[in-house]
């Protein structure tokens, strides 16, 4: 409704209101296929520096489930394909969708510091997940930053 009325899914007035609050609740949104629409979650992440997506996973006390799992997954939330630079090409073989990704040293160092600080507090090990064997520049930079922070 907001997008239809204002042309923006996150008007400046709404963003300012969120910045002046102690908390904001973001519900599910679905505007797939609406021309010009872009989910406000990406803008919120970037404007509010919400760079760390953190998932805490623990074993459920259920028969047949491996017990003793206590894992914190940390993912960088503002870069990679979240820069939303995509294109769709028509080729002789059919349509081809291409997405650009961006990895910066700044964001990689920031998320690595966050993840390592959480590992120290929790007295846990850390695993870096990357594909630097294939994505030598982007994931290579990320891996290099994580190793430097370690």
N, C-alpha and C. Protein backbone atom coordinates (compact mmCIF):
# COMPACT_ATOMS: atom_id res chain seq x y z
N UNK A 1 0.82 -1.19 0.00
CA UNK A 1 0.00 0.00 0.00
C UNK A 1 0.86 1.26 0.00
N UNK A 2 1.89 1.25 0.86
CA UNK A 2 2.78 2.41 0.93
C UNK A 2 3.47 2.63 -0.40
N UNK A 3 3.94 1.55 -1.00
CA UNK A 3 4.63 1.67 -2.29
C UNK A 3 3.70 2.24 -3.36
N UNK A 4 2.47 1.77 -3.39
CA UNK A 4 1.51 2.27 -4.37
C UNK A 4 1.20 3.75 -4.15
N UNK A 5 1.15 4.16 -2.89
CA UNK A 5 0.80 5.55 -2.58
C UNK A 5 1.96 6.51 -2.75
N UNK A 6 3.18 6.05 -2.44
CA UNK A 6 4.33 6.97 -2.42
C UNK A 6 5.39 6.68 -3.47
N UNK A 7 5.36 5.48 -4.05
CA UNK A 7 6.40 5.10 -5.00
C UNK A 7 7.65 4.56 -4.31
N UNK A 8 7.59 4.42 -2.98
CA UNK A 8 8.71 3.89 -2.22
C UNK A 8 8.19 2.92 -1.18
N UNK A 9 8.88 1.78 -1.05
CA UNK A 9 8.47 0.81 -0.03
C UNK A 9 8.96 1.25 1.35
N UNK A 10 9.89 2.19 1.38
CA UNK A 10 10.42 2.72 2.64
C UNK A 10 10.64 4.22 2.49
N UNK A 11 9.56 5.00 2.63
CA UNK A 11 9.70 6.45 2.51
C UNK A 11 10.65 7.02 3.57
N UNK A 12 11.27 8.14 3.27
CA UNK A 12 12.23 8.78 4.18
C UNK A 12 11.62 9.02 5.56
N UNK A 13 10.37 9.40 5.59
CA UNK A 13 9.68 9.65 6.86
C UNK A 13 9.64 8.38 7.73
N UNK A 14 9.37 7.25 7.10
CA UNK A 14 9.34 5.98 7.83
C UNK A 14 10.72 5.61 8.34
N UNK A 15 11.74 5.77 7.49
CA UNK A 15 13.11 5.48 7.90
C UNK A 15 13.52 6.35 9.08
N UNK A 16 13.19 7.62 9.05
CA UNK A 16 13.51 8.52 10.18
C UNK A 16 12.80 8.07 11.44
N UNK A 17 11.55 7.65 11.31
CA UNK A 17 10.81 7.15 12.47
C UNK A 17 11.47 5.94 13.08
N UNK A 18 11.94 5.03 12.23
CA UNK A 18 12.63 3.83 12.70
C UNK A 18 13.93 4.21 13.41
N UNK A 19 14.67 5.16 12.83
CA UNK A 19 15.94 5.59 13.44
C UNK A 19 15.72 6.21 14.82
N UNK A 20 14.55 6.76 15.06
CA UNK A 20 14.26 7.39 16.35
C UNK A 20 13.61 6.44 17.35
N UNK A 21 13.49 5.18 17.00
CA UNK A 21 12.89 4.18 17.89
C UNK A 21 13.96 3.30 18.52
N UNK A 22 13.58 2.62 19.57
CA UNK A 22 14.48 1.64 20.19
C UNK A 22 14.38 0.28 19.51
N UNK A 23 13.27 0.03 18.82
CA UNK A 23 13.08 -1.24 18.14
C UNK A 23 12.07 -1.06 17.01
N UNK A 24 12.18 -1.93 16.02
CA UNK A 24 11.23 -1.94 14.91
C UNK A 24 10.94 -3.39 14.57
N UNK A 25 9.72 -3.67 14.22
CA UNK A 25 9.32 -5.02 13.82
C UNK A 25 9.09 -4.99 12.31
N UNK A 26 9.78 -5.89 11.62
CA UNK A 26 9.64 -5.98 10.17
C UNK A 26 8.92 -7.28 9.85
N UNK A 27 7.74 -7.18 9.32
CA UNK A 27 6.96 -8.37 8.98
C UNK A 27 7.27 -8.86 7.58
N UNK A 28 6.68 -9.94 7.20
CA UNK A 28 6.87 -10.49 5.87
C UNK A 28 6.27 -9.56 4.83
N UNK A 29 6.96 -9.42 3.72
CA UNK A 29 6.46 -8.61 2.61
C UNK A 29 6.50 -9.45 1.34
N UNK A 30 5.57 -9.19 0.47
CA UNK A 30 5.54 -9.92 -0.79
C UNK A 30 4.99 -9.00 -1.87
N UNK A 31 5.87 -8.59 -2.75
CA UNK A 31 5.44 -7.78 -3.88
C UNK A 31 6.11 -8.29 -5.14
N UNK A 32 6.29 -9.60 -5.19
CA UNK A 32 6.94 -10.20 -6.35
C UNK A 32 6.19 -9.84 -7.63
N UNK A 33 6.94 -9.32 -8.57
CA UNK A 33 6.34 -8.99 -9.86
C UNK A 33 5.77 -7.59 -9.95
N UNK A 34 5.80 -6.81 -8.86
CA UNK A 34 5.31 -5.43 -8.90
C UNK A 34 6.42 -4.56 -9.47
N UNK A 35 6.16 -3.95 -10.60
CA UNK A 35 7.16 -3.14 -11.31
C UNK A 35 7.73 -2.04 -10.42
N UNK A 36 9.06 -1.97 -10.33
CA UNK A 36 9.74 -0.92 -9.58
C UNK A 36 9.87 -1.16 -8.10
N UNK A 37 9.23 -2.21 -7.58
CA UNK A 37 9.27 -2.47 -6.14
C UNK A 37 10.61 -3.08 -5.73
N UNK A 38 11.11 -2.64 -4.61
CA UNK A 38 12.31 -3.21 -4.01
C UNK A 38 12.04 -3.36 -2.52
N UNK A 39 12.32 -4.52 -1.98
CA UNK A 39 12.04 -4.77 -0.57
C UNK A 39 12.78 -3.78 0.32
N UNK A 40 12.11 -3.23 1.30
CA UNK A 40 12.76 -2.27 2.19
C UNK A 40 13.80 -2.90 3.11
N UNK A 41 13.85 -4.22 3.22
CA UNK A 41 14.80 -4.85 4.13
C UNK A 41 16.24 -4.54 3.75
N UNK A 42 16.54 -4.46 2.47
CA UNK A 42 17.90 -4.16 2.03
C UNK A 42 18.27 -2.74 2.42
N UNK A 43 17.37 -1.80 2.19
CA UNK A 43 17.62 -0.40 2.57
C UNK A 43 17.78 -0.29 4.08
N UNK A 44 16.94 -0.97 4.84
CA UNK A 44 17.08 -0.94 6.30
C UNK A 44 18.43 -1.47 6.75
N UNK A 45 18.86 -2.59 6.19
CA UNK A 45 20.16 -3.16 6.54
C UNK A 45 21.28 -2.17 6.27
N UNK A 46 21.23 -1.54 5.11
CA UNK A 46 22.30 -0.62 4.73
C UNK A 46 22.25 0.68 5.52
N UNK A 47 21.09 1.27 5.66
CA UNK A 47 20.96 2.55 6.36
C UNK A 47 21.21 2.44 7.86
N UNK A 48 20.85 1.30 8.44
CA UNK A 48 21.00 1.12 9.90
C UNK A 48 22.21 0.28 10.26
N UNK A 49 23.04 -0.04 9.25
CA UNK A 49 24.26 -0.83 9.48
C UNK A 49 23.94 -2.17 10.16
N UNK A 50 22.88 -2.83 9.72
CA UNK A 50 22.50 -4.14 10.25
C UNK A 50 23.24 -5.20 9.46
N UNK A 51 24.53 -5.27 9.68
CA UNK A 51 25.41 -6.07 8.84
C UNK A 51 25.51 -7.53 9.25
N UNK A 52 25.16 -7.86 10.48
CA UNK A 52 25.33 -9.24 10.96
C UNK A 52 23.99 -9.94 11.07
N UNK A 53 23.82 -10.99 10.28
CA UNK A 53 22.65 -11.84 10.38
C UNK A 53 23.08 -13.03 11.24
N UNK A 54 22.49 -13.18 12.41
CA UNK A 54 22.95 -14.16 13.39
C UNK A 54 21.85 -15.19 13.65
N UNK A 55 22.21 -16.46 13.51
CA UNK A 55 21.30 -17.58 13.76
C UNK A 55 21.91 -18.45 14.85
N UNK A 56 21.19 -18.67 15.93
CA UNK A 56 21.65 -19.57 16.99
C UNK A 56 20.93 -20.90 16.81
N UNK A 57 21.69 -21.96 16.62
CA UNK A 57 21.12 -23.29 16.38
C UNK A 57 21.52 -24.22 17.52
N UNK A 58 20.53 -24.84 18.14
CA UNK A 58 20.80 -25.81 19.20
C UNK A 58 19.98 -27.07 18.92
N UNK A 59 20.49 -28.18 19.44
CA UNK A 59 19.79 -29.46 19.27
C UNK A 59 18.45 -29.43 19.97
N UNK A 60 17.47 -30.00 19.32
CA UNK A 60 16.15 -30.16 19.95
C UNK A 60 16.20 -31.44 20.80
N UNK A 61 15.61 -31.39 21.99
CA UNK A 61 15.62 -32.59 22.84
C UNK A 61 14.59 -33.62 22.38
N UNK A 62 14.85 -34.17 21.20
CA UNK A 62 13.93 -35.12 20.56
C UNK A 62 14.70 -36.39 20.23
N UNK A 63 14.08 -37.51 20.45
CA UNK A 63 14.71 -38.80 20.15
C UNK A 63 15.10 -38.85 18.67
N UNK A 64 16.29 -39.34 18.40
CA UNK A 64 16.76 -39.48 17.03
C UNK A 64 17.48 -38.26 16.49
N UNK A 65 17.51 -37.16 17.25
CA UNK A 65 18.20 -35.94 16.83
C UNK A 65 19.55 -35.90 17.52
N UNK A 66 20.60 -35.60 16.74
CA UNK A 66 21.93 -35.50 17.33
C UNK A 66 21.94 -34.44 18.43
N UNK A 67 22.39 -34.81 19.58
CA UNK A 67 22.42 -33.89 20.72
C UNK A 67 23.77 -33.18 20.82
N UNK A 68 23.79 -32.08 21.54
CA UNK A 68 25.03 -31.36 21.79
C UNK A 68 25.37 -30.29 20.77
N UNK A 69 24.46 -30.05 19.84
CA UNK A 69 24.74 -29.00 18.85
C UNK A 69 24.40 -27.65 19.46
N UNK A 70 25.37 -26.76 19.42
CA UNK A 70 25.21 -25.38 19.89
C UNK A 70 26.07 -24.52 18.97
N UNK A 71 25.46 -24.02 17.92
CA UNK A 71 26.20 -23.35 16.86
C UNK A 71 25.61 -21.97 16.59
N UNK A 72 26.48 -21.01 16.39
CA UNK A 72 26.07 -19.67 16.02
C UNK A 72 26.53 -19.43 14.59
N UNK A 73 25.59 -19.18 13.69
CA UNK A 73 25.95 -18.88 12.30
C UNK A 73 25.86 -17.37 12.12
N UNK A 74 26.90 -16.80 11.52
CA UNK A 74 26.99 -15.36 11.30
C UNK A 74 27.19 -15.13 9.80
N UNK A 75 26.33 -14.31 9.22
CA UNK A 75 26.40 -14.03 7.78
C UNK A 75 26.41 -12.52 7.56
N UNK A 76 27.25 -12.05 6.65
CA UNK A 76 27.28 -10.63 6.30
C UNK A 76 26.01 -10.31 5.52
N UNK A 77 25.39 -9.21 5.85
CA UNK A 77 24.02 -8.93 5.44
C UNK A 77 23.85 -7.76 4.48
N UNK A 78 24.92 -7.04 4.15
CA UNK A 78 24.74 -5.81 3.37
C UNK A 78 25.40 -5.85 2.00
N UNK A 79 26.22 -6.87 1.76
CA UNK A 79 26.93 -6.93 0.48
C UNK A 79 26.59 -8.21 -0.27
N UNK A 80 27.57 -8.73 -1.00
CA UNK A 80 27.40 -9.92 -1.82
C UNK A 80 26.29 -9.63 -2.83
N UNK A 81 25.31 -10.47 -2.98
CA UNK A 81 24.25 -10.22 -3.96
C UNK A 81 23.19 -9.26 -3.40
N UNK A 82 23.32 -8.88 -2.12
CA UNK A 82 22.36 -7.95 -1.53
C UNK A 82 22.50 -6.53 -2.06
N UNK A 83 23.46 -6.29 -2.95
CA UNK A 83 23.56 -4.97 -3.58
C UNK A 83 22.51 -4.81 -4.67
N UNK A 84 21.86 -5.92 -5.01
CA UNK A 84 20.72 -5.93 -5.92
C UNK A 84 21.04 -5.34 -7.30
N UNK A 85 22.12 -5.78 -7.88
CA UNK A 85 22.45 -5.39 -9.25
C UNK A 85 22.27 -6.63 -10.12
N UNK A 86 21.17 -6.65 -10.84
CA UNK A 86 20.82 -7.80 -11.67
C UNK A 86 20.45 -7.35 -13.07
N UNK A 87 20.52 -8.31 -13.97
CA UNK A 87 20.03 -8.04 -15.31
C UNK A 87 19.48 -9.32 -15.91
N UNK A 88 18.61 -9.16 -16.87
CA UNK A 88 18.00 -10.29 -17.56
C UNK A 88 18.26 -10.10 -19.05
N UNK A 89 18.87 -11.10 -19.66
CA UNK A 89 19.20 -11.02 -21.09
C UNK A 89 18.42 -12.06 -21.86
N UNK A 90 18.03 -11.69 -23.06
CA UNK A 90 17.41 -12.64 -23.99
C UNK A 90 18.53 -13.17 -24.88
N UNK A 91 18.68 -14.48 -24.95
CA UNK A 91 19.70 -15.09 -25.81
C UNK A 91 19.03 -16.09 -26.74
N UNK A 92 19.80 -16.63 -27.66
CA UNK A 92 19.27 -17.64 -28.58
C UNK A 92 18.82 -18.89 -27.82
N UNK A 93 19.46 -19.14 -26.67
CA UNK A 93 19.14 -20.32 -25.86
C UNK A 93 18.02 -20.07 -24.86
N UNK A 94 17.56 -18.84 -24.77
CA UNK A 94 16.54 -18.49 -23.78
C UNK A 94 17.03 -17.37 -22.88
N UNK A 95 16.25 -17.04 -21.89
CA UNK A 95 16.60 -15.95 -20.99
C UNK A 95 17.72 -16.35 -20.04
N UNK A 96 18.57 -15.38 -19.72
CA UNK A 96 19.69 -15.58 -18.81
C UNK A 96 19.64 -14.46 -17.77
N UNK A 97 19.60 -14.84 -16.50
CA UNK A 97 19.62 -13.85 -15.41
C UNK A 97 21.03 -13.82 -14.82
N UNK A 98 21.54 -12.60 -14.59
CA UNK A 98 22.88 -12.42 -14.05
C UNK A 98 22.79 -11.49 -12.86
N UNK A 99 23.45 -11.88 -11.77
CA UNK A 99 23.50 -11.03 -10.57
C UNK A 99 24.95 -10.68 -10.26
N UNK A 100 25.19 -9.43 -9.97
CA UNK A 100 26.52 -8.94 -9.58
C UNK A 100 26.65 -9.09 -8.07
N UNK A 101 27.84 -9.38 -7.61
CA UNK A 101 28.08 -9.42 -6.16
C UNK A 101 29.25 -8.51 -5.85
N UNK A 102 29.22 -7.91 -4.67
CA UNK A 102 30.31 -7.03 -4.23
C UNK A 102 30.75 -7.48 -2.85
N UNK A 103 32.04 -7.65 -2.68
CA UNK A 103 32.64 -7.99 -1.39
C UNK A 103 33.71 -6.94 -1.13
N UNK A 104 33.61 -6.24 -0.01
CA UNK A 104 34.64 -5.24 0.31
C UNK A 104 35.46 -5.70 1.51
N UNK A 105 36.65 -5.17 1.56
CA UNK A 105 37.52 -5.46 2.69
C UNK A 105 36.89 -4.95 3.99
N UNK A 106 36.31 -3.77 3.94
CA UNK A 106 35.69 -3.17 5.13
C UNK A 106 34.61 -4.08 5.71
N UNK A 107 33.68 -4.52 4.87
CA UNK A 107 32.58 -5.37 5.36
C UNK A 107 33.09 -6.74 5.78
N UNK A 108 34.07 -7.28 5.07
CA UNK A 108 34.62 -8.59 5.41
C UNK A 108 35.34 -8.54 6.76
N UNK A 109 36.11 -7.50 6.99
CA UNK A 109 36.81 -7.35 8.28
C UNK A 109 35.79 -7.16 9.41
N UNK A 110 34.77 -6.38 9.15
CA UNK A 110 33.76 -6.10 10.17
C UNK A 110 33.02 -7.36 10.58
N UNK A 111 32.59 -8.17 9.62
CA UNK A 111 31.85 -9.38 9.96
C UNK A 111 32.78 -10.42 10.58
N UNK A 112 34.02 -10.46 10.12
CA UNK A 112 34.99 -11.40 10.72
C UNK A 112 35.25 -11.03 12.18
N UNK A 113 35.43 -9.75 12.46
CA UNK A 113 35.64 -9.32 13.86
C UNK A 113 34.44 -9.69 14.73
N UNK A 114 33.24 -9.47 14.19
CA UNK A 114 32.03 -9.81 14.94
C UNK A 114 31.98 -11.30 15.22
N UNK A 115 32.19 -12.12 14.20
CA UNK A 115 32.11 -13.58 14.36
C UNK A 115 33.18 -14.08 15.33
N UNK A 116 34.39 -13.59 15.20
CA UNK A 116 35.46 -14.03 16.10
C UNK A 116 35.20 -13.57 17.53
N UNK A 117 34.63 -12.39 17.70
CA UNK A 117 34.32 -11.93 19.07
C UNK A 117 33.25 -12.81 19.70
N UNK A 118 32.27 -13.23 18.91
CA UNK A 118 31.24 -14.14 19.41
C UNK A 118 31.83 -15.49 19.77
N UNK A 119 32.76 -15.98 18.95
CA UNK A 119 33.40 -17.27 19.23
C UNK A 119 34.21 -17.20 20.53
N UNK A 120 34.89 -16.07 20.75
CA UNK A 120 35.67 -15.92 22.00
C UNK A 120 34.73 -15.91 23.22
N UNK A 121 33.65 -15.16 23.15
CA UNK A 121 32.70 -15.07 24.26
C UNK A 121 32.10 -16.44 24.55
N UNK A 122 31.76 -17.17 23.50
CA UNK A 122 31.12 -18.47 23.65
C UNK A 122 32.13 -19.60 23.87
N UNK A 123 33.43 -19.27 23.76
CA UNK A 123 34.50 -20.27 23.90
C UNK A 123 34.28 -21.43 22.92
N UNK A 124 34.02 -21.06 21.68
CA UNK A 124 33.72 -22.04 20.63
C UNK A 124 34.69 -21.87 19.46
N UNK A 125 34.72 -22.87 18.60
CA UNK A 125 35.53 -22.84 17.38
C UNK A 125 34.81 -22.03 16.32
N UNK A 126 35.56 -21.68 15.28
CA UNK A 126 34.95 -20.94 14.17
C UNK A 126 35.31 -21.62 12.85
N UNK A 127 34.36 -21.63 11.93
CA UNK A 127 34.56 -22.15 10.59
C UNK A 127 34.20 -21.05 9.61
N UNK A 128 35.06 -20.80 8.66
CA UNK A 128 34.80 -19.81 7.62
C UNK A 128 34.26 -20.55 6.40
N UNK A 129 33.10 -20.16 5.91
CA UNK A 129 32.50 -20.81 4.75
C UNK A 129 32.67 -19.88 3.55
N UNK A 130 33.31 -20.40 2.52
CA UNK A 130 33.59 -19.59 1.33
C UNK A 130 33.79 -20.51 0.13
N UNK A 131 33.89 -19.92 -1.04
CA UNK A 131 34.20 -20.65 -2.27
C UNK A 131 35.37 -19.97 -2.97
N UNK A 132 36.44 -19.70 -2.22
CA UNK A 132 37.57 -18.97 -2.81
C UNK A 132 38.34 -19.80 -3.82
N UNK A 133 38.11 -21.10 -3.85
CA UNK A 133 38.74 -21.91 -4.89
C UNK A 133 38.14 -21.62 -6.27
N UNK A 134 36.91 -21.16 -6.30
CA UNK A 134 36.22 -20.83 -7.55
C UNK A 134 36.09 -19.31 -7.71
N UNK A 135 35.63 -18.65 -6.66
CA UNK A 135 35.45 -17.19 -6.66
C UNK A 135 36.69 -16.57 -6.02
N UNK A 136 37.79 -16.59 -6.77
CA UNK A 136 39.09 -16.25 -6.21
C UNK A 136 39.21 -14.79 -5.79
N UNK A 137 38.53 -13.90 -6.45
CA UNK A 137 38.63 -12.47 -6.10
C UNK A 137 37.70 -12.11 -4.94
N UNK A 138 36.40 -12.41 -5.08
CA UNK A 138 35.43 -12.00 -4.07
C UNK A 138 35.56 -12.82 -2.79
N UNK A 139 35.39 -14.12 -2.90
CA UNK A 139 35.52 -14.96 -1.71
C UNK A 139 36.98 -15.04 -1.25
N UNK A 140 37.90 -14.85 -2.18
CA UNK A 140 39.31 -14.80 -1.81
C UNK A 140 39.59 -13.64 -0.88
N UNK A 141 39.01 -12.47 -1.17
CA UNK A 141 39.17 -11.31 -0.29
C UNK A 141 38.52 -11.58 1.06
N UNK A 142 37.33 -12.14 1.05
CA UNK A 142 36.64 -12.46 2.30
C UNK A 142 37.47 -13.41 3.16
N UNK A 143 37.97 -14.48 2.55
CA UNK A 143 38.79 -15.47 3.26
C UNK A 143 40.06 -14.82 3.82
N UNK A 144 40.71 -14.01 3.02
CA UNK A 144 41.93 -13.31 3.46
C UNK A 144 41.65 -12.44 4.68
N UNK A 145 40.55 -11.73 4.67
CA UNK A 145 40.18 -10.87 5.80
C UNK A 145 39.91 -11.70 7.05
N UNK A 146 39.17 -12.79 6.89
CA UNK A 146 38.87 -13.66 8.04
C UNK A 146 40.15 -14.25 8.63
N UNK A 147 41.06 -14.68 7.78
CA UNK A 147 42.32 -15.24 8.26
C UNK A 147 43.15 -14.18 8.97
N UNK A 148 43.12 -12.95 8.45
CA UNK A 148 43.87 -11.86 9.09
C UNK A 148 43.31 -11.59 10.49
N UNK A 149 41.99 -11.56 10.61
CA UNK A 149 41.36 -11.30 11.91
C UNK A 149 41.63 -12.43 12.89
N UNK A 150 41.73 -13.65 12.37
CA UNK A 150 41.94 -14.80 13.26
C UNK A 150 43.27 -14.69 13.98
